[in-house]
Amino acid sequence: MRKFFQDIKTDMKFKTAGPGQKLAEPPRERAPKEKPKAATPKSRQGPTDEAQRAAAAALARLEQKPKPWLPSSQDAIKSQVKKELMAEAAASERQLSTGHKGPVSAVEEETAGLSVSGVYFICPLTGATVRKDQKEAHIKEAILLHFSRDPVAASIMEIHTFNRDREKVKIGVETIAKYLDNIHLHPEEEKYRKIKLQNKVFQERINCLEGTHEFLQAIGFEKEMLPVPGQETTEEYYMLKEEVLTKLEDLKDYKEQLLSCEPVKAQLDRQLCVFKPSPQAAQFELPQDFYNLTAEELKREQRLRTEAVEKASMLRTKAMREREEQREMRKYNYTLLRVRFPDGYILQGTFYAREPVSVLYRFVREALRDDWMPFELLAPGGVKLTEENLAFNECGLVPSALLIFAWDAAVMADVKASGEEQKGSPLKPELLSAVQILS
């Protein structure tokens, strides 16, 4: 491992330079010179001194950690760790450059005028907030990076997260668990300590799953070519190392982790915002992320909607109307909800279209200064949201809606009678300190 970090230091020595300095290449990997092209773009500057120091600090932190045993896929892990170090340096450089005005990015142009820039998620492994279209790649990279710290846990997460077919995962992990049970019960019998890779059960249940090989290697199996009885040929096996037999309780613990693990799922970022009073509160411009449709499908839906208006005079049965409502509900994965308070301030959050109304009540309550006081939420049209188990799409609150906040009338009457009428905004001061203007 130490040699691996020395390689990274050597790479950084040749691949980083201060502002205005030319990038040097490692002498042993010098690329052949190419003929100059007609128009050569300006070369990018390397990370700044501050960025290099950030990378060096990250490297030092990793060197201070205990050196765990690594599985055989070390090249992939080295690449990911190296990428993590360089990402820290790049992030530091971007932070230092904050405040310098530059050209408007394509993303900023695309999201200009939208009520929210997109749908975002929080990675449970890194705590980073990423866009919807970057979520899967970020989680995968985070799990791969985790190999350098805990290869067993990382491989288990890989099995449960990277494989979509839950039934295949269930069968695969139960088969591996059976292998480990046999070893734990019969440690003295060699036949239970080896797994034939060309075995039909292994091929159909284990080999087809991503992460299973990494798990077996992480817990102490290694590949060996063993002779076939009665033949002059050999076949490939996984053979458990002898030293693992002294730590059978660890195998039992690994089996329990494998069976109990759940897929790593990113949490939807509510993107909580508070806006000043605005007459535009009921106007929404949503990004493509909110729709469960492609751009072409959206155009077709608009055309069909126009045709439906023309046919509005036609009689429709109740069944026809219900089918249309079901189709309408499936169009959206997310909804953007705003709640207007008595003082005009607006609370905004992003939700799954199929989440229950109770989630919105909890979201609002957590934003209140007096979170113990009962309140009501009124949907468009003044309808009280009393069925908290109903989903937003079942209440007509997708893909966006403006709701009205109201204190419970009976409680407010008692408050007024006691002369302790609430003053100021019901929202928490820390939320009001970050209030925005609704454009």
Protein backbone atom coordinates (compact mmCIF):
# COMPACT_ATOMS: atom_id res chain seq x y z
CA MET A 1 0.00 0.00 0.00
CA ARG A 2 2.80 2.39 0.89
CA LYS A 3 4.34 1.79 -2.53
CA PHE A 4 0.96 2.66 -4.05
CA PHE A 5 0.87 6.06 -2.31
CA GLN A 6 4.50 6.68 -3.32
CA ASP A 7 3.40 6.07 -6.93
CA ILE A 8 0.64 8.64 -6.48
CA LYS A 9 3.13 11.16 -5.06
CA THR A 10 5.40 10.54 -8.04
CA ASP A 11 2.50 11.03 -10.45
CA MET A 12 1.48 14.26 -8.69
CA LYS A 13 5.07 15.49 -8.84
CA PHE A 14 5.05 15.28 -12.62
CA LYS A 15 1.39 16.08 -13.23
CA THR A 16 0.97 19.25 -11.16
CA ALA A 17 2.53 22.61 -11.71
CA GLY A 18 2.03 26.10 -10.42
CA PRO A 19 0.39 28.88 -12.40
CA GLY A 20 2.40 29.80 -15.50
CA GLN A 21 4.56 26.65 -15.33
CA LYS A 22 4.58 23.99 -18.00
CA LEU A 23 3.41 20.53 -17.13
CA ALA A 24 6.21 17.95 -17.00
CA GLU A 25 5.81 14.33 -18.02
CA PRO A 26 7.29 11.37 -16.11
CA PRO A 27 10.48 10.34 -17.94
CA ARG A 28 9.42 6.69 -18.12
CA GLU A 29 6.07 7.45 -19.78
CA ARG A 30 7.07 10.13 -22.24
CA ALA A 31 4.51 10.24 -25.06
CA PRO A 32 5.77 10.47 -28.68
CA LYS A 33 5.80 13.94 -30.10
CA GLU A 34 3.07 14.84 -32.56
CA LYS A 35 3.14 17.33 -35.34
CA PRO A 36 1.67 20.67 -34.33
CA LYS A 37 -1.86 21.21 -35.54
CA ALA A 38 -3.13 24.29 -37.33
CA ALA A 39 -5.02 25.57 -34.31
CA THR A 40 -3.86 24.35 -30.93
CA PRO A 41 -5.98 25.36 -27.91
CA LYS A 42 -4.26 26.89 -24.93
CA SER A 43 -3.08 24.31 -22.44
CA ARG A 44 -4.88 24.25 -19.11
CA GLN A 45 -2.96 25.37 -16.07
CA GLY A 46 -2.29 22.80 -13.39
CA PRO A 47 -3.72 23.06 -9.90
CA THR A 48 -2.64 26.06 -7.86
CA ASP A 49 -0.26 25.86 -4.92
CA GLU A 50 -3.26 25.82 -2.58
CA ALA A 51 -4.82 22.93 -4.55
CA GLN A 52 -1.56 20.98 -4.41
CA ARG A 53 -1.39 21.49 -0.66
CA ALA A 54 -4.99 20.24 -0.34
CA ALA A 55 -4.09 17.10 -2.29
CA ALA A 56 -0.99 16.56 -0.16
CA ALA A 57 -3.07 16.96 3.01
CA ALA A 58 -5.60 14.41 1.76
CA LEU A 59 -2.76 12.01 0.97
CA ALA A 60 -1.30 12.49 4.45
CA ARG A 61 -4.69 11.72 6.03
CA LEU A 62 -4.92 8.47 4.09
CA GLU A 63 -1.35 7.49 5.03
CA GLN A 64 -2.19 7.91 8.72
CA LYS A 65 -5.07 5.40 8.48
CA PRO A 66 -4.45 1.70 9.16
CA LYS A 67 -3.52 -0.21 6.03
CA PRO A 68 -6.33 -2.74 5.39
CA TRP A 69 -5.94 -5.86 3.28
CA LEU A 70 -6.92 -5.17 -0.30
CA PRO A 71 -8.68 -7.52 -2.70
CA SER A 72 -7.06 -8.53 -5.97
CA SER A 73 -8.68 -5.74 -7.96
CA GLN A 74 -6.06 -3.30 -6.67
CA ASP A 75 -5.56 -1.49 -9.97
CA ALA A 76 -9.18 -0.31 -10.02
CA ILE A 77 -9.01 0.73 -6.37
CA LYS A 78 -5.76 2.65 -6.90
CA SER A 79 -7.32 4.48 -9.79
CA GLN A 80 -10.32 5.47 -7.69
CA VAL A 81 -8.27 6.63 -4.70
CA LYS A 82 -6.04 8.66 -7.01
CA LYS A 83 -9.14 10.20 -8.56
CA GLU A 84 -10.39 11.10 -5.06
CA LEU A 85 -7.17 12.91 -4.23
CA MET A 86 -7.17 14.90 -7.44
CA ALA A 87 -10.85 15.71 -6.98
CA GLU A 88 -10.11 17.19 -3.57
CA ALA A 89 -7.41 19.34 -5.12
CA ALA A 90 -9.74 20.49 -7.88
CA ALA A 91 -12.52 21.25 -5.38
CA SER A 92 -10.12 23.32 -3.31
CA GLU A 93 -9.10 25.26 -6.38
CA ARG A 94 -12.71 25.96 -7.33
CA GLN A 95 -13.42 27.17 -3.80
CA LEU A 96 -10.48 29.55 -3.93
CA SER A 97 -11.67 30.96 -7.20
CA THR A 98 -15.20 31.65 -5.89
CA GLY A 99 -16.12 35.27 -6.43
CA HIS A 100 -14.40 35.63 -9.80
CA LYS A 101 -17.02 36.30 -12.43
CA GLY A 102 -16.80 34.25 -15.59
CA PRO A 103 -18.97 33.35 -18.52
CA VAL A 104 -22.41 31.91 -17.71
CA SER A 105 -22.29 28.09 -17.84
CA ALA A 106 -24.57 25.99 -20.00
CA VAL A 107 -26.30 24.66 -16.87
CA GLU A 108 -26.99 28.18 -15.61
CA GLU A 109 -28.43 29.16 -18.97
CA GLU A 110 -30.58 26.03 -19.05
CA THR A 111 -32.01 26.57 -15.54
CA ALA A 112 -32.51 30.33 -15.83
CA GLY A 113 -36.11 31.22 -15.05
CA LEU A 114 -36.98 27.81 -13.60
CA SER A 115 -38.66 27.45 -10.21
CA VAL A 116 -35.95 24.95 -9.24
CA SER A 117 -32.78 24.04 -11.12
CA GLY A 118 -33.44 20.30 -11.01
CA VAL A 119 -33.93 17.26 -8.81
CA TYR A 120 -31.03 16.56 -6.43
CA PHE A 121 -30.07 13.69 -4.13
CA ILE A 122 -27.82 13.29 -1.08
CA CYS A 123 -25.38 10.37 -1.14
CA PRO A 124 -25.51 8.49 2.21
CA LEU A 125 -21.85 7.47 1.89
CA THR A 126 -20.25 10.83 1.11
CA GLY A 127 -22.93 13.35 2.13
CA ALA A 128 -22.51 15.04 -1.26
CA THR A 129 -25.48 16.54 -3.10
CA VAL A 130 -25.64 15.48 -6.75
CA ARG A 131 -28.02 15.93 -9.66
CA LYS A 132 -30.50 13.20 -10.51
CA ASP A 133 -28.58 12.14 -13.64
CA GLN A 134 -25.32 11.86 -11.66
CA LYS A 135 -26.74 9.92 -8.71
CA GLU A 136 -25.99 6.35 -9.82
CA ALA A 137 -22.46 7.11 -11.00
CA HIS A 138 -21.65 8.95 -7.77
CA ILE A 139 -22.86 6.10 -5.55
CA LYS A 140 -20.92 3.57 -7.60
CA GLU A 141 -17.73 5.60 -7.32
CA ALA A 142 -18.26 6.08 -3.57
CA ILE A 143 -18.61 2.31 -3.06
CA LEU A 144 -15.49 1.60 -5.12
CA LEU A 145 -13.53 4.13 -3.09
CA HIS A 146 -14.72 2.42 0.08
CA PHE A 147 -12.74 -0.69 -0.94
CA SER A 148 -9.53 0.91 0.30
CA ARG A 149 -10.99 1.22 3.81
CA ASP A 150 -13.23 -1.85 4.17
CA PRO A 151 -13.17 -4.28 1.22
CA VAL A 152 -15.69 -6.66 2.78
CA ALA A 153 -18.31 -3.98 3.45
CA ALA A 154 -17.69 -2.39 0.04
CA SER A 155 -18.14 -5.68 -1.83
CA ILE A 156 -21.37 -6.38 0.07
CA MET A 157 -22.70 -2.94 -0.85
CA GLU A 158 -21.65 -3.60 -4.45
CA ILE A 159 -23.62 -6.86 -4.58
CA HIS A 160 -26.80 -5.31 -3.20
CA THR A 161 -26.59 -1.99 -5.05
CA PHE A 162 -25.16 -2.70 -8.50
CA ASN A 163 -27.42 -5.69 -9.30
CA ARG A 164 -30.98 -4.67 -10.18
CA ASP A 165 -32.67 -8.07 -10.08
CA ARG A 166 -33.53 -8.43 -6.40
CA GLU A 167 -34.57 -12.07 -6.75
CA LYS A 168 -31.20 -13.01 -8.28
CA VAL A 169 -29.40 -11.14 -5.49
CA LYS A 170 -31.43 -13.02 -2.87
CA ILE A 171 -30.59 -16.41 -4.41
CA GLY A 172 -26.92 -15.48 -4.87
CA VAL A 173 -26.30 -14.27 -1.31
CA GLU A 174 -28.15 -17.27 0.15
CA THR A 175 -25.91 -19.60 -1.87
CA ILE A 176 -22.76 -17.85 -0.62
CA ALA A 177 -24.16 -17.98 2.92
CA LYS A 178 -24.56 -21.76 2.52
CA TYR A 179 -20.89 -22.04 1.49
CA LEU A 180 -19.85 -20.14 4.63
CA ASP A 181 -22.13 -22.20 6.88
CA ASN A 182 -20.56 -25.41 5.60
CA ILE A 183 -17.06 -24.07 6.31
CA HIS A 184 -18.09 -22.95 9.79
CA LEU A 185 -19.64 -26.36 10.58
CA HIS A 186 -16.93 -28.50 8.93
CA PRO A 187 -13.66 -26.50 9.03
CA GLU A 188 -11.57 -29.67 8.92
CA GLU A 189 -13.02 -30.89 5.61
CA GLU A 190 -11.22 -29.47 2.59
CA LYS A 191 -14.11 -30.05 0.16
CA TYR A 192 -16.11 -27.30 1.88
CA ARG A 193 -13.23 -24.84 1.65
CA LYS A 194 -13.03 -24.85 -2.14
CA ILE A 195 -15.48 -23.66 -4.79
CA LYS A 196 -15.28 -24.83 -8.39
CA LEU A 197 -15.70 -21.77 -10.63
CA GLN A 198 -17.15 -23.78 -13.52
CA ASN A 199 -19.72 -25.39 -11.26
CA LYS A 200 -23.22 -24.90 -12.68
CA VAL A 201 -24.65 -23.53 -9.41
CA PHE A 202 -21.76 -21.08 -9.05
CA GLN A 203 -22.12 -19.87 -12.64
CA GLU A 204 -25.90 -19.44 -12.52
CA ARG A 205 -26.26 -17.97 -9.03
CA ILE A 206 -23.00 -16.23 -8.12
CA ASN A 207 -20.82 -15.52 -11.14
CA CYS A 208 -23.67 -13.57 -12.79
CA LEU A 209 -23.75 -11.02 -9.95
CA GLU A 210 -21.49 -7.98 -9.78
CA GLY A 211 -19.37 -7.84 -6.62
CA THR A 212 -19.47 -11.53 -5.67
CA HIS A 213 -15.88 -12.22 -6.73
CA GLU A 214 -14.69 -9.17 -4.79
CA PHE A 215 -16.54 -10.41 -1.70
CA LEU A 216 -15.09 -13.92 -1.83
CA GLN A 217 -11.57 -12.55 -2.26
CA ALA A 218 -12.09 -9.98 0.52
CA ILE A 219 -13.05 -12.65 3.09
CA GLY A 220 -10.04 -14.84 2.28
CA PHE A 221 -10.65 -16.90 -0.85
CA GLU A 222 -8.02 -16.96 -3.58
CA LYS A 223 -8.06 -18.51 -7.04
CA GLU A 224 -6.05 -21.69 -7.63
CA MET A 225 -5.68 -24.16 -10.50
CA LEU A 226 -6.25 -27.63 -9.04
CA PRO A 227 -5.92 -31.01 -10.77
CA VAL A 228 -9.07 -32.85 -11.86
CA PRO A 229 -9.23 -36.31 -10.25
CA GLY A 230 -8.45 -39.06 -12.79
CA GLN A 231 -7.43 -36.55 -15.48
CA GLU A 232 -4.28 -34.68 -16.49
CA THR A 233 -6.09 -31.34 -16.67
CA THR A 234 -6.66 -28.66 -14.07
CA GLU A 235 -9.65 -26.48 -13.21
CA GLU A 236 -9.98 -23.12 -11.50
CA TYR A 237 -11.20 -23.04 -7.91
CA TYR A 238 -11.67 -20.55 -5.10
CA MET A 239 -9.68 -21.92 -2.16
CA LEU A 240 -10.02 -20.53 1.37
CA LYS A 241 -6.70 -19.55 2.89
CA GLU A 242 -5.54 -21.66 5.82
CA GLU A 243 -5.12 -18.68 8.14
CA VAL A 244 -8.83 -17.82 7.79
CA LEU A 245 -9.72 -21.04 9.62
CA THR A 246 -8.42 -19.44 12.82
CA LYS A 247 -11.03 -16.66 12.43
CA LEU A 248 -14.22 -18.62 11.75
CA GLU A 249 -16.31 -16.18 13.79
CA ASP A 250 -15.35 -13.49 11.29
CA LEU A 251 -16.79 -15.61 8.48
CA LYS A 252 -20.02 -15.91 10.44
CA ASP A 253 -20.13 -12.14 10.88
CA TYR A 254 -19.46 -11.57 7.16
CA LYS A 255 -22.33 -13.93 6.32
CA GLU A 256 -24.73 -11.96 8.54
CA GLN A 257 -23.64 -8.69 6.94
CA LEU A 258 -24.17 -10.17 3.49
CA LEU A 259 -27.68 -11.37 4.28
CA SER A 260 -28.84 -8.21 6.08
CA CYS A 261 -27.44 -5.52 3.78
CA GLU A 262 -29.77 -3.24 1.81
CA PRO A 263 -29.01 -1.39 -1.44
CA VAL A 264 -27.35 1.99 -1.02
CA LYS A 265 -29.99 4.57 -1.97
CA ALA A 266 -29.52 8.30 -2.25
CA GLN A 267 -31.97 10.47 -0.31
CA LEU A 268 -34.06 13.02 -2.15
CA ASP A 269 -32.85 16.53 -1.34
CA ARG A 270 -35.87 18.66 -0.39
CA GLN A 271 -34.03 21.81 -1.51
CA LEU A 272 -35.81 23.79 1.18
CA CYS A 273 -36.20 27.46 0.27
CA VAL A 274 -38.00 30.38 1.86
CA PHE A 275 -39.21 33.24 -0.33
CA LYS A 276 -40.47 36.70 0.45
CA PRO A 277 -44.16 37.42 -0.25
CA SER A 278 -44.75 37.39 -4.00
CA PRO A 279 -47.77 37.49 -6.34
CA GLN A 280 -45.95 34.90 -8.50
CA ALA A 281 -46.17 32.18 -5.86
CA ALA A 282 -48.65 30.14 -7.92
CA GLN A 283 -46.54 30.26 -11.08
CA PHE A 284 -44.23 27.30 -11.69
CA GLU A 285 -41.62 26.57 -14.34
CA LEU A 286 -40.30 23.05 -13.84
CA PRO A 287 -37.21 21.36 -15.32
CA GLN A 288 -37.34 18.12 -17.30
CA ASP A 289 -36.28 16.14 -14.20
CA PHE A 290 -39.81 16.39 -12.78
CA TYR A 291 -41.39 14.51 -15.66
CA ASN A 292 -41.40 10.76 -16.18
CA LEU A 293 -41.27 11.44 -19.91
CA THR A 294 -38.68 12.17 -22.57
CA ALA A 295 -38.72 15.42 -24.53
CA GLU A 296 -40.40 13.65 -27.46
CA GLU A 297 -43.03 12.14 -25.17
CA LEU A 298 -43.76 15.55 -23.70
CA LYS A 299 -44.36 16.99 -27.17
CA ARG A 300 -46.71 14.13 -27.96
CA GLU A 301 -48.57 14.70 -24.69
CA GLN A 302 -49.01 18.38 -25.54
CA ARG A 303 -50.44 17.42 -28.91
CA LEU A 304 -52.80 14.92 -27.36
CA ARG A 305 -53.89 17.49 -24.79
CA THR A 306 -54.76 19.90 -27.59
CA GLU A 307 -56.79 17.21 -29.33
CA ALA A 308 -58.54 16.39 -26.07
CA VAL A 309 -59.70 19.97 -25.70
CA GLU A 310 -61.24 19.80 -29.15
CA LYS A 311 -63.08 16.62 -28.18
CA ALA A 312 -64.20 17.95 -24.79
CA SER A 313 -67.80 18.05 -25.93
CA MET A 314 -67.83 14.25 -26.39
CA LEU A 315 -69.45 12.18 -23.67
CA ARG A 316 -67.05 10.13 -21.57
CA THR A 317 -67.86 7.26 -19.24
CA LYS A 318 -66.62 7.15 -15.64
CA ALA A 319 -64.19 4.36 -16.57
CA MET A 320 -62.72 6.50 -19.37
CA ARG A 321 -62.21 9.42 -16.98
CA GLU A 322 -60.54 7.17 -14.37
CA ARG A 323 -58.14 5.74 -16.97
CA GLU A 324 -57.17 9.25 -18.05
CA GLU A 325 -56.58 10.25 -14.42
CA GLN A 326 -54.33 7.22 -13.89
CA ARG A 327 -52.28 8.12 -16.99
CA GLU A 328 -51.98 11.68 -15.73
CA MET A 329 -50.72 10.50 -12.33
CA ARG A 330 -47.96 8.35 -13.87
CA LYS A 331 -46.46 11.23 -15.82
CA TYR A 332 -44.62 12.68 -12.85
CA ASN A 333 -41.98 11.30 -10.52
CA TYR A 334 -41.62 14.44 -8.40
CA THR A 335 -43.62 17.45 -7.32
CA LEU A 336 -42.60 20.96 -6.26
CA LEU A 337 -44.78 22.23 -3.40
CA ARG A 338 -45.04 25.71 -1.91
CA VAL A 339 -46.77 26.65 1.34
CA ARG A 340 -47.85 30.28 1.87
CA PHE A 341 -47.97 31.46 5.48
CA PRO A 342 -50.27 34.14 6.93
CA ASP A 343 -47.51 36.77 6.70
CA GLY A 344 -47.01 36.01 3.00
CA TYR A 345 -43.70 34.16 3.30
CA ILE A 346 -43.43 31.03 1.15
CA LEU A 347 -41.83 27.69 2.06
CA GLN A 348 -40.78 25.47 -0.89
CA GLY A 349 -39.66 21.84 -1.10
CA THR A 350 -39.25 18.96 -3.56
CA PHE A 351 -41.04 15.64 -2.98
CA TYR A 352 -41.69 12.32 -4.68
CA ALA A 353 -45.06 12.36 -6.41
CA ARG A 354 -46.02 9.17 -4.57
CA GLU A 355 -45.05 10.27 -1.06
CA PRO A 356 -47.91 10.63 1.44
CA VAL A 357 -49.27 14.00 2.53
CA SER A 358 -47.98 13.29 6.05
CA VAL A 359 -44.46 13.94 4.74
CA LEU A 360 -45.45 17.50 3.82
CA TYR A 361 -46.96 18.09 7.26
CA ARG A 362 -43.69 16.93 8.85
CA PHE A 363 -41.66 19.11 6.47
CA VAL A 364 -43.70 22.19 7.42
CA ARG A 365 -43.65 21.42 11.13
CA GLU A 366 -39.85 21.19 11.16
CA ALA A 367 -39.73 24.72 9.73
CA LEU A 368 -41.97 26.26 12.41
CA ARG A 369 -40.76 28.31 15.34
CA ASP A 370 -43.52 26.83 17.52
CA ASP A 371 -43.62 23.31 16.17
CA TRP A 372 -46.00 22.09 18.89
CA MET A 373 -48.98 24.12 17.67
CA PRO A 374 -51.50 22.30 15.44
CA PHE A 375 -52.08 23.66 11.95
CA GLU A 376 -53.88 22.89 8.69
CA LEU A 377 -52.83 22.88 5.05
CA LEU A 378 -55.29 23.91 2.39
CA ALA A 379 -54.91 22.63 -1.18
CA PRO A 380 -55.80 24.80 -4.20
CA GLY A 381 -59.51 25.57 -3.99
CA GLY A 382 -59.42 25.75 -0.18
CA VAL A 383 -59.76 21.98 0.36
CA LYS A 384 -58.27 20.82 3.68
CA LEU A 385 -55.69 18.06 3.41
CA THR A 386 -57.05 15.75 6.08
CA GLU A 387 -56.19 12.35 4.54
CA GLU A 388 -52.48 12.30 5.34
CA ASN A 389 -52.01 8.76 4.02
CA LEU A 390 -52.95 9.75 0.48
CA ALA A 391 -50.12 10.35 -1.99
CA PHE A 392 -49.57 13.75 -3.58
CA ASN A 393 -50.52 12.46 -7.02
CA GLU A 394 -53.77 11.11 -5.57
CA CYS A 395 -54.58 14.57 -4.21
CA GLY A 396 -53.88 16.39 -7.48
CA LEU A 397 -50.74 18.02 -6.06
CA VAL A 398 -48.42 17.09 -8.96
CA PRO A 399 -46.25 18.28 -10.61
CA SER A 400 -46.57 21.46 -8.51
CA ALA A 401 -49.00 23.21 -6.20
CA LEU A 402 -49.35 26.20 -3.90
CA LEU A 403 -50.92 25.41 -0.51
CA ILE A 404 -52.10 27.70 2.28
CA PHE A 405 -50.97 27.38 5.89
CA ALA A 406 -53.50 28.05 8.66
CA TRP A 407 -53.25 27.60 12.41
CA ASP A 408 -55.88 25.41 14.02
CA ALA A 409 -58.86 27.74 14.58
CA ALA A 410 -59.74 26.44 18.07
CA VAL A 411 -56.16 26.73 19.32
CA MET A 412 -55.78 30.23 17.91
CA ALA A 413 -59.01 31.29 19.63
CA ASP A 414 -57.57 30.12 22.96
CA VAL A 415 -54.29 31.91 22.25
CA LYS A 416 -56.08 35.17 21.50
CA ALA A 417 -58.26 34.81 24.59
CA SER A 418 -55.15 34.45 26.74
CA GLY A 419 -53.66 37.62 25.24
CA GLU A 420 -50.60 35.77 23.99
CA GLU A 421 -51.17 36.26 20.29
CA GLN A 422 -48.22 35.17 18.20
CA LYS A 423 -46.07 37.98 16.80
CA GLY A 424 -43.75 37.84 13.82
CA SER A 425 -43.36 35.08 11.28
CA PRO A 426 -44.15 31.50 12.34
CA LEU A 427 -40.99 30.32 10.54
CA LYS A 428 -37.70 29.71 12.32
CA PRO A 429 -35.33 32.72 12.40
CA GLU A 430 -32.51 30.75 10.74
CA LEU A 431 -34.75 30.11 7.73
CA LEU A 432 -35.76 33.75 7.49
CA SER A 433 -32.10 34.77 7.59
CA ALA A 434 -31.64 33.01 4.22
CA VAL A 435 -34.86 34.28 2.62
CA GLN A 436 -34.83 34.67 -1.17
CA ILE A 437 -36.79 36.67 -3.73
CA LEU A 438 -39.09 34.62 -5.96
CA SER A 439 -38.28 35.49 -9.56
